[in-house]
Amino acid sequence: MDEGDALEIDEILEYLPHRYPFLLVDRVDEMVVGDFIRGRKQVSANEPYFQGHFPNHPIVPGVLLVEALAQICGILAFKTRENKPAEGYVHYLAGVDNVRFKRPVRPGDTVDLFGRIETVRRQLMKFSVEAKVDDETACVAELLCVERLIAR
């Protein structure tokens, strides 16, 4: 993929070890390796967590918004480090700071996901992230991810 190009779901699956029902990135719209990534998640009324969160007033749990942001940053981390899960690498979420939830996310929403690399130190990468719906901020945070080689 050239910088700035999109990733479709088949390519996303090469860079994330997550699968249904925990894969929370549907598309990468833009990426500059080593800098930033922009993608999205289409929220369906059929998401399994809506059954209990909350009946008659479904909203995406905030922790899953943070996880979607971590997943999009994971893609950027894999591309930046030039490795993949199939090679035995993982990027674990190691820390979450300054999280703020600004609006609920509901069935039918398209969540725009954005992550930017702020610092890189050895296996650690710090990201600033934001999730938006209709250009309105839903969540902001700072994420820390750590790269590990778990198997060859």
N, C-alpha and C. Protein backbone atom coordinates (compact mmCIF):
# COMPACT_ATOMS: atom_id res chain seq x y z
N MET A 1 0.84 -1.18 0.00
CA MET A 1 0.00 0.00 0.00
C MET A 1 0.88 1.23 0.00
N ASP A 2 0.57 2.16 -0.85
CA ASP A 2 1.27 3.44 -0.86
C ASP A 2 0.72 4.32 0.25
N GLU A 3 1.57 5.22 0.75
CA GLU A 3 1.11 6.14 1.77
C GLU A 3 -0.08 6.93 1.26
N GLY A 4 -1.07 7.09 2.12
CA GLY A 4 -2.25 7.85 1.77
C GLY A 4 -3.36 6.99 1.20
N ASP A 5 -3.05 5.72 0.83
CA ASP A 5 -4.07 4.83 0.27
C ASP A 5 -4.95 4.25 1.36
N ALA A 6 -6.06 3.67 0.92
CA ALA A 6 -7.02 3.04 1.83
C ALA A 6 -6.69 1.56 2.02
N LEU A 7 -7.16 1.00 3.12
CA LEU A 7 -7.10 -0.44 3.36
C LEU A 7 -8.52 -0.96 3.46
N GLU A 8 -8.81 -1.98 2.69
CA GLU A 8 -10.10 -2.65 2.78
C GLU A 8 -10.01 -3.73 3.86
N ILE A 9 -11.13 -4.36 4.16
CA ILE A 9 -11.20 -5.30 5.27
C ILE A 9 -10.22 -6.46 5.13
N ASP A 10 -10.00 -6.99 3.93
CA ASP A 10 -9.06 -8.11 3.76
C ASP A 10 -7.65 -7.71 4.17
N GLU A 11 -7.25 -6.49 3.86
CA GLU A 11 -5.92 -6.01 4.25
C GLU A 11 -5.87 -5.69 5.74
N ILE A 12 -6.95 -5.17 6.29
CA ILE A 12 -7.01 -4.90 7.73
C ILE A 12 -6.78 -6.19 8.51
N LEU A 13 -7.36 -7.29 8.05
CA LEU A 13 -7.21 -8.57 8.73
C LEU A 13 -5.77 -9.07 8.72
N GLU A 14 -4.94 -8.58 7.80
CA GLU A 14 -3.52 -8.93 7.79
C GLU A 14 -2.76 -8.22 8.91
N TYR A 15 -3.28 -7.08 9.37
CA TYR A 15 -2.56 -6.26 10.34
C TYR A 15 -3.18 -6.26 11.73
N LEU A 16 -4.34 -6.86 11.89
CA LEU A 16 -4.95 -6.97 13.22
C LEU A 16 -5.22 -8.44 13.52
N PRO A 17 -4.88 -8.89 14.74
CA PRO A 17 -5.20 -10.27 15.10
C PRO A 17 -6.66 -10.44 15.52
N HIS A 18 -7.40 -9.35 15.66
CA HIS A 18 -8.79 -9.39 16.13
C HIS A 18 -9.72 -9.97 15.05
N ARG A 19 -10.77 -10.64 15.50
CA ARG A 19 -11.80 -11.18 14.62
C ARG A 19 -13.16 -10.95 15.27
N TYR A 20 -14.23 -11.21 14.52
CA TYR A 20 -15.58 -11.04 15.03
C TYR A 20 -15.71 -11.81 16.34
N PRO A 21 -16.35 -11.24 17.34
CA PRO A 21 -17.06 -9.97 17.36
C PRO A 21 -16.21 -8.81 17.87
N PHE A 22 -14.88 -8.99 17.89
CA PHE A 22 -14.04 -7.96 18.50
C PHE A 22 -13.26 -7.13 17.49
N LEU A 23 -13.44 -7.35 16.20
CA LEU A 23 -12.82 -6.51 15.19
C LEU A 23 -13.66 -5.25 15.06
N LEU A 24 -13.08 -4.09 15.37
CA LEU A 24 -13.84 -2.84 15.46
C LEU A 24 -13.41 -1.79 14.45
N VAL A 25 -12.67 -2.20 13.42
CA VAL A 25 -12.27 -1.29 12.34
C VAL A 25 -12.77 -1.90 11.04
N ASP A 26 -13.58 -1.15 10.29
CA ASP A 26 -14.13 -1.64 9.03
C ASP A 26 -13.31 -1.21 7.82
N ARG A 27 -12.63 -0.06 7.94
CA ARG A 27 -11.92 0.48 6.79
C ARG A 27 -10.88 1.48 7.27
N VAL A 28 -9.76 1.51 6.55
CA VAL A 28 -8.77 2.57 6.72
C VAL A 28 -8.87 3.46 5.49
N ASP A 29 -9.18 4.73 5.71
CA ASP A 29 -9.37 5.66 4.60
C ASP A 29 -8.08 6.35 4.17
N GLU A 30 -7.18 6.55 5.13
CA GLU A 30 -5.95 7.29 4.84
C GLU A 30 -4.91 6.93 5.90
N MET A 31 -3.65 6.81 5.44
CA MET A 31 -2.58 6.53 6.38
C MET A 31 -1.28 7.07 5.82
N VAL A 32 -0.51 7.70 6.68
CA VAL A 32 0.87 8.06 6.37
C VAL A 32 1.70 7.30 7.40
N VAL A 33 2.39 6.27 6.93
CA VAL A 33 3.17 5.40 7.81
C VAL A 33 4.16 6.25 8.61
N GLY A 34 4.20 5.98 9.91
CA GLY A 34 5.07 6.73 10.80
C GLY A 34 4.48 8.03 11.31
N ASP A 35 3.24 8.36 10.87
CA ASP A 35 2.64 9.64 11.25
C ASP A 35 1.21 9.48 11.76
N PHE A 36 0.25 9.23 10.86
CA PHE A 36 -1.16 9.18 11.28
C PHE A 36 -1.95 8.18 10.47
N ILE A 37 -3.16 7.90 10.98
CA ILE A 37 -4.09 6.99 10.32
C ILE A 37 -5.50 7.50 10.54
N ARG A 38 -6.35 7.28 9.54
CA ARG A 38 -7.76 7.67 9.62
C ARG A 38 -8.59 6.52 9.04
N GLY A 39 -9.60 6.10 9.80
CA GLY A 39 -10.46 5.02 9.34
C GLY A 39 -11.84 5.16 9.91
N ARG A 40 -12.61 4.03 9.86
CA ARG A 40 -13.98 4.14 10.36
C ARG A 40 -14.55 2.79 10.79
N LYS A 41 -15.59 2.91 11.58
CA LYS A 41 -16.39 1.78 12.04
C LYS A 41 -17.85 2.11 11.82
N GLN A 42 -18.56 1.27 11.08
CA GLN A 42 -20.00 1.40 10.91
C GLN A 42 -20.67 0.68 12.07
N VAL A 43 -21.49 1.37 12.81
CA VAL A 43 -22.14 0.76 13.97
C VAL A 43 -23.51 0.23 13.55
N SER A 44 -23.66 -1.07 13.65
CA SER A 44 -24.90 -1.74 13.28
C SER A 44 -25.77 -1.96 14.52
N ALA A 45 -27.06 -1.96 14.31
CA ALA A 45 -27.98 -2.27 15.41
C ALA A 45 -27.81 -3.72 15.86
N ASN A 46 -27.14 -4.53 15.07
CA ASN A 46 -26.94 -5.94 15.39
C ASN A 46 -25.70 -6.21 16.22
N GLU A 47 -24.99 -5.17 16.65
CA GLU A 47 -23.79 -5.38 17.47
C GLU A 47 -24.21 -6.14 18.74
N PRO A 48 -23.44 -7.17 19.14
CA PRO A 48 -23.86 -8.02 20.25
C PRO A 48 -24.00 -7.30 21.60
N TYR A 49 -23.25 -6.23 21.81
CA TYR A 49 -23.29 -5.55 23.11
C TYR A 49 -24.54 -4.71 23.31
N PHE A 50 -25.27 -4.40 22.24
CA PHE A 50 -26.47 -3.58 22.40
C PHE A 50 -27.59 -4.30 23.16
N GLN A 51 -27.55 -5.62 23.19
CA GLN A 51 -28.58 -6.37 23.91
C GLN A 51 -28.62 -5.96 25.39
N GLY A 52 -27.47 -5.66 25.95
CA GLY A 52 -27.46 -5.31 27.37
C GLY A 52 -26.96 -3.91 27.68
N HIS A 53 -26.64 -3.11 26.63
CA HIS A 53 -26.05 -1.77 26.88
C HIS A 53 -26.70 -0.74 25.97
N PHE A 54 -27.76 -0.23 26.17
CA PHE A 54 -28.74 -0.53 27.19
C PHE A 54 -30.03 -0.89 26.49
N PRO A 55 -30.82 -1.83 27.05
CA PRO A 55 -32.10 -2.15 26.41
C PRO A 55 -32.95 -0.89 26.25
N ASN A 56 -33.53 -0.73 25.09
CA ASN A 56 -34.38 0.41 24.74
C ASN A 56 -33.65 1.73 24.61
N HIS A 57 -32.35 1.76 24.83
CA HIS A 57 -31.53 2.96 24.62
C HIS A 57 -30.08 2.52 24.33
N PRO A 58 -29.86 1.87 23.16
CA PRO A 58 -28.54 1.30 22.89
C PRO A 58 -27.49 2.37 22.62
N ILE A 59 -26.35 2.25 23.32
CA ILE A 59 -25.18 3.09 23.04
C ILE A 59 -23.93 2.21 23.07
N VAL A 60 -22.95 2.59 22.26
CA VAL A 60 -21.68 1.86 22.23
C VAL A 60 -20.97 2.10 23.56
N PRO A 61 -20.54 1.03 24.23
CA PRO A 61 -19.78 1.22 25.46
C PRO A 61 -18.49 2.01 25.19
N GLY A 62 -18.20 2.95 26.08
CA GLY A 62 -17.01 3.79 25.90
C GLY A 62 -15.74 2.98 25.77
N VAL A 63 -15.65 1.90 26.51
CA VAL A 63 -14.44 1.07 26.45
C VAL A 63 -14.25 0.50 25.03
N LEU A 64 -15.34 0.27 24.31
CA LEU A 64 -15.22 -0.24 22.94
C LEU A 64 -14.82 0.87 21.96
N LEU A 65 -15.19 2.11 22.24
CA LEU A 65 -14.67 3.21 21.43
C LEU A 65 -13.16 3.32 21.60
N VAL A 66 -12.69 3.20 22.83
CA VAL A 66 -11.25 3.23 23.09
C VAL A 66 -10.57 2.05 22.39
N GLU A 67 -11.18 0.88 22.44
CA GLU A 67 -10.62 -0.29 21.78
C GLU A 67 -10.56 -0.09 20.26
N ALA A 68 -11.59 0.49 19.65
CA ALA A 68 -11.56 0.76 18.21
C ALA A 68 -10.41 1.70 17.87
N LEU A 69 -10.20 2.71 18.70
CA LEU A 69 -9.08 3.64 18.49
C LEU A 69 -7.74 2.91 18.66
N ALA A 70 -7.66 2.01 19.64
CA ALA A 70 -6.43 1.24 19.83
C ALA A 70 -6.18 0.33 18.63
N GLN A 71 -7.23 -0.26 18.07
CA GLN A 71 -7.06 -1.13 16.91
C GLN A 71 -6.56 -0.36 15.70
N ILE A 72 -7.10 0.83 15.46
CA ILE A 72 -6.63 1.58 14.30
C ILE A 72 -5.16 2.00 14.50
N CYS A 73 -4.80 2.31 15.75
CA CYS A 73 -3.40 2.62 16.03
C CYS A 73 -2.52 1.38 15.89
N GLY A 74 -3.08 0.22 16.21
CA GLY A 74 -2.34 -1.02 16.01
C GLY A 74 -1.98 -1.23 14.55
N ILE A 75 -2.90 -0.93 13.66
CA ILE A 75 -2.61 -1.03 12.22
C ILE A 75 -1.44 -0.11 11.86
N LEU A 76 -1.51 1.13 12.32
CA LEU A 76 -0.43 2.09 12.04
C LEU A 76 0.88 1.61 12.65
N ALA A 77 0.84 1.05 13.85
CA ALA A 77 2.06 0.54 14.49
C ALA A 77 2.66 -0.60 13.68
N PHE A 78 1.84 -1.56 13.26
CA PHE A 78 2.34 -2.65 12.43
C PHE A 78 2.95 -2.13 11.13
N LYS A 79 2.27 -1.22 10.46
CA LYS A 79 2.79 -0.67 9.20
C LYS A 79 4.09 0.10 9.44
N THR A 80 4.15 0.86 10.53
CA THR A 80 5.34 1.66 10.84
C THR A 80 6.53 0.75 11.18
N ARG A 81 6.28 -0.31 11.93
CA ARG A 81 7.34 -1.25 12.33
C ARG A 81 7.65 -2.28 11.26
N GLU A 82 6.83 -2.30 10.20
CA GLU A 82 7.01 -3.23 9.08
C GLU A 82 6.97 -4.68 9.52
N ASN A 83 5.94 -5.01 10.35
CA ASN A 83 5.72 -6.40 10.72
C ASN A 83 4.22 -6.68 10.77
N LYS A 84 3.89 -7.95 10.97
CA LYS A 84 2.49 -8.38 10.98
C LYS A 84 2.26 -9.43 12.06
N PRO A 85 1.01 -9.62 12.46
CA PRO A 85 0.70 -10.69 13.42
C PRO A 85 1.15 -12.07 12.93
N ALA A 86 1.05 -12.33 11.63
CA ALA A 86 1.45 -13.63 11.08
C ALA A 86 2.94 -13.92 11.30
N GLU A 87 3.72 -12.88 11.57
CA GLU A 87 5.15 -13.04 11.86
C GLU A 87 5.41 -13.19 13.35
N GLY A 88 4.34 -13.25 14.15
CA GLY A 88 4.47 -13.46 15.58
C GLY A 88 4.47 -12.20 16.41
N TYR A 89 4.20 -11.06 15.81
CA TYR A 89 4.21 -9.79 16.55
C TYR A 89 2.80 -9.41 17.00
N VAL A 90 2.73 -8.74 18.14
CA VAL A 90 1.50 -8.12 18.60
C VAL A 90 1.83 -6.72 19.11
N HIS A 91 0.83 -5.88 19.10
CA HIS A 91 0.94 -4.55 19.71
C HIS A 91 -0.14 -4.48 20.77
N TYR A 92 0.29 -4.57 22.02
CA TYR A 92 -0.64 -4.55 23.14
C TYR A 92 -0.96 -3.12 23.55
N LEU A 93 -2.19 -2.90 23.95
CA LEU A 93 -2.57 -1.64 24.57
C LEU A 93 -1.98 -1.65 25.98
N ALA A 94 -1.09 -0.71 26.26
CA ALA A 94 -0.35 -0.70 27.53
C ALA A 94 -0.81 0.43 28.46
N GLY A 95 -1.50 1.42 27.93
CA GLY A 95 -1.94 2.52 28.78
C GLY A 95 -2.93 3.40 28.07
N VAL A 96 -3.81 4.00 28.86
CA VAL A 96 -4.81 4.93 28.35
C VAL A 96 -4.85 6.12 29.30
N ASP A 97 -4.64 7.31 28.77
CA ASP A 97 -4.64 8.52 29.59
C ASP A 97 -5.57 9.57 28.99
N ASN A 98 -6.05 10.44 29.86
CA ASN A 98 -6.83 11.62 29.46
C ASN A 98 -8.01 11.29 28.57
N VAL A 99 -8.73 10.23 28.89
CA VAL A 99 -9.91 9.82 28.12
C VAL A 99 -11.08 10.73 28.46
N ARG A 100 -11.75 11.19 27.42
CA ARG A 100 -12.95 12.00 27.59
C ARG A 100 -13.99 11.52 26.57
N PHE A 101 -15.22 11.33 27.06
CA PHE A 101 -16.34 10.97 26.20
C PHE A 101 -17.23 12.18 26.06
N LYS A 102 -17.48 12.60 24.83
CA LYS A 102 -18.18 13.85 24.57
C LYS A 102 -19.62 13.67 24.09
N ARG A 103 -19.91 12.54 23.46
CA ARG A 103 -21.26 12.27 22.96
C ARG A 103 -21.43 10.76 22.83
N PRO A 104 -22.68 10.28 22.97
CA PRO A 104 -22.90 8.84 22.79
C PRO A 104 -22.84 8.44 21.32
N VAL A 105 -22.48 7.19 21.09
CA VAL A 105 -22.48 6.60 19.76
C VAL A 105 -23.57 5.55 19.74
N ARG A 106 -24.43 5.64 18.71
CA ARG A 106 -25.63 4.82 18.66
C ARG A 106 -25.69 4.00 17.37
N PRO A 107 -26.58 3.01 17.33
CA PRO A 107 -26.74 2.23 16.10
C PRO A 107 -27.01 3.14 14.90
N GLY A 108 -26.37 2.82 13.79
CA GLY A 108 -26.51 3.60 12.57
C GLY A 108 -25.43 4.65 12.40
N ASP A 109 -24.69 4.95 13.45
CA ASP A 109 -23.62 5.95 13.35
C ASP A 109 -22.41 5.39 12.62
N THR A 110 -21.72 6.26 11.92
CA THR A 110 -20.40 5.97 11.38
C THR A 110 -19.40 6.67 12.27
N VAL A 111 -18.51 5.89 12.87
CA VAL A 111 -17.51 6.46 13.76
C VAL A 111 -16.22 6.64 12.96
N ASP A 112 -15.79 7.89 12.84
CA ASP A 112 -14.52 8.20 12.20
C ASP A 112 -13.43 8.11 13.25
N LEU A 113 -12.40 7.30 12.97
CA LEU A 113 -11.33 7.02 13.92
C LEU A 113 -10.04 7.67 13.43
N PHE A 114 -9.34 8.35 14.33
CA PHE A 114 -8.10 9.03 13.95
C PHE A 114 -7.04 8.77 15.02
N GLY A 115 -5.84 8.46 14.57
CA GLY A 115 -4.72 8.29 15.48
C GLY A 115 -3.46 8.90 14.91
N ARG A 116 -2.68 9.53 15.77
CA ARG A 116 -1.40 10.13 15.37
C ARG A 116 -0.32 9.67 16.34
N ILE A 117 0.82 9.26 15.78
CA ILE A 117 1.96 8.88 16.61
C ILE A 117 2.55 10.15 17.21
N GLU A 118 2.67 10.17 18.53
CA GLU A 118 3.28 11.30 19.22
C GLU A 118 4.74 11.03 19.57
N THR A 119 5.03 9.83 20.07
CA THR A 119 6.41 9.46 20.39
C THR A 119 6.63 7.98 20.14
N VAL A 120 7.88 7.64 19.86
CA VAL A 120 8.32 6.25 19.71
C VAL A 120 9.58 6.08 20.53
N ARG A 121 9.56 5.10 21.42
CA ARG A 121 10.74 4.76 22.23
C ARG A 121 10.84 3.25 22.30
N ARG A 122 11.85 2.71 21.66
CA ARG A 122 12.04 1.26 21.59
C ARG A 122 10.75 0.59 21.15
N GLN A 123 10.18 -0.27 22.02
CA GLN A 123 8.95 -0.98 21.63
C GLN A 123 7.68 -0.20 21.96
N LEU A 124 7.79 0.98 22.55
CA LEU A 124 6.62 1.76 22.94
C LEU A 124 6.27 2.82 21.90
N MET A 125 4.98 2.99 21.68
CA MET A 125 4.48 4.05 20.82
C MET A 125 3.34 4.75 21.55
N LYS A 126 3.38 6.08 21.58
CA LYS A 126 2.31 6.87 22.18
C LYS A 126 1.53 7.54 21.06
N PHE A 127 0.19 7.47 21.18
CA PHE A 127 -0.70 8.01 20.16
C PHE A 127 -1.66 9.02 20.79
N SER A 128 -2.00 10.05 20.04
CA SER A 128 -3.17 10.86 20.38
C SER A 128 -4.27 10.39 19.44
N VAL A 129 -5.49 10.22 19.99
CA VAL A 129 -6.58 9.63 19.21
C VAL A 129 -7.86 10.42 19.39
N GLU A 130 -8.74 10.28 18.40
CA GLU A 130 -10.05 10.91 18.46
C GLU A 130 -11.04 10.08 17.65
N ALA A 131 -12.24 9.92 18.20
CA ALA A 131 -13.36 9.30 17.48
C ALA A 131 -14.42 10.38 17.29
N LYS A 132 -14.95 10.46 16.07
CA LYS A 132 -15.98 11.46 15.77
C LYS A 132 -17.17 10.80 15.09
N VAL A 133 -18.33 11.40 15.27
CA VAL A 133 -19.54 11.04 14.54
C VAL A 133 -20.09 12.33 13.96
N ASP A 134 -20.26 12.36 12.65
CA ASP A 134 -20.77 13.57 11.97
C ASP A 134 -19.97 14.82 12.36
N ASP A 135 -18.65 14.70 12.36
CA ASP A 135 -17.73 15.80 12.71
C ASP A 135 -17.86 16.28 14.15
N GLU A 136 -18.55 15.53 14.98
CA GLU A 136 -18.69 15.86 16.39
C GLU A 136 -17.87 14.86 17.21
N THR A 137 -17.01 15.37 18.08
CA THR A 137 -16.14 14.49 18.87
C THR A 137 -16.95 13.61 19.80
N ALA A 138 -16.68 12.30 19.73
CA ALA A 138 -17.30 11.33 20.63
C ALA A 138 -16.33 10.92 21.74
N CYS A 139 -15.03 10.84 21.42
CA CYS A 139 -14.05 10.39 22.40
C CYS A 139 -12.67 10.91 22.00
N VAL A 140 -11.89 11.32 22.98
CA VAL A 140 -10.48 11.66 22.78
C VAL A 140 -9.68 10.95 23.87
N ALA A 141 -8.41 10.65 23.57
CA ALA A 141 -7.56 9.98 24.54
C ALA A 141 -6.11 10.00 24.07
N GLU A 142 -5.25 9.57 24.95
CA GLU A 142 -3.85 9.28 24.62
C GLU A 142 -3.66 7.79 24.91
N LEU A 143 -3.09 7.06 23.95
CA LEU A 143 -2.89 5.62 24.09
C LEU A 143 -1.41 5.28 24.05
N LEU A 144 -1.03 4.27 24.80
CA LEU A 144 0.32 3.76 24.79
C LEU A 144 0.25 2.29 24.37
N CYS A 145 1.01 1.93 23.34
CA CYS A 145 1.05 0.56 22.85
C CYS A 145 2.48 0.04 22.93
N VAL A 146 2.61 -1.25 23.19
CA VAL A 146 3.92 -1.88 23.27
C VAL A 146 3.97 -3.04 22.30
N GLU A 147 5.07 -3.15 21.57
CA GLU A 147 5.27 -4.22 20.60
C GLU A 147 5.95 -5.40 21.28
N ARG A 148 5.45 -6.60 21.00
CA ARG A 148 6.06 -7.82 21.52
C ARG A 148 6.11 -8.87 20.42
N LEU A 149 7.18 -9.65 20.43
CA LEU A 149 7.29 -10.82 19.57
C LEU A 149 6.87 -12.00 20.43
N ILE A 150 5.75 -12.64 20.10
CA ILE A 150 5.23 -13.70 20.95
C ILE A 150 5.48 -15.09 20.38
N ALA A 151 5.68 -15.21 19.06
CA ALA A 151 5.92 -16.52 18.44
C ALA A 151 6.54 -16.31 17.07
N ARG A 152 7.22 -17.34 16.64
CA ARG A 152 7.78 -17.31 15.27
C ARG A 152 7.24 -18.44 14.46
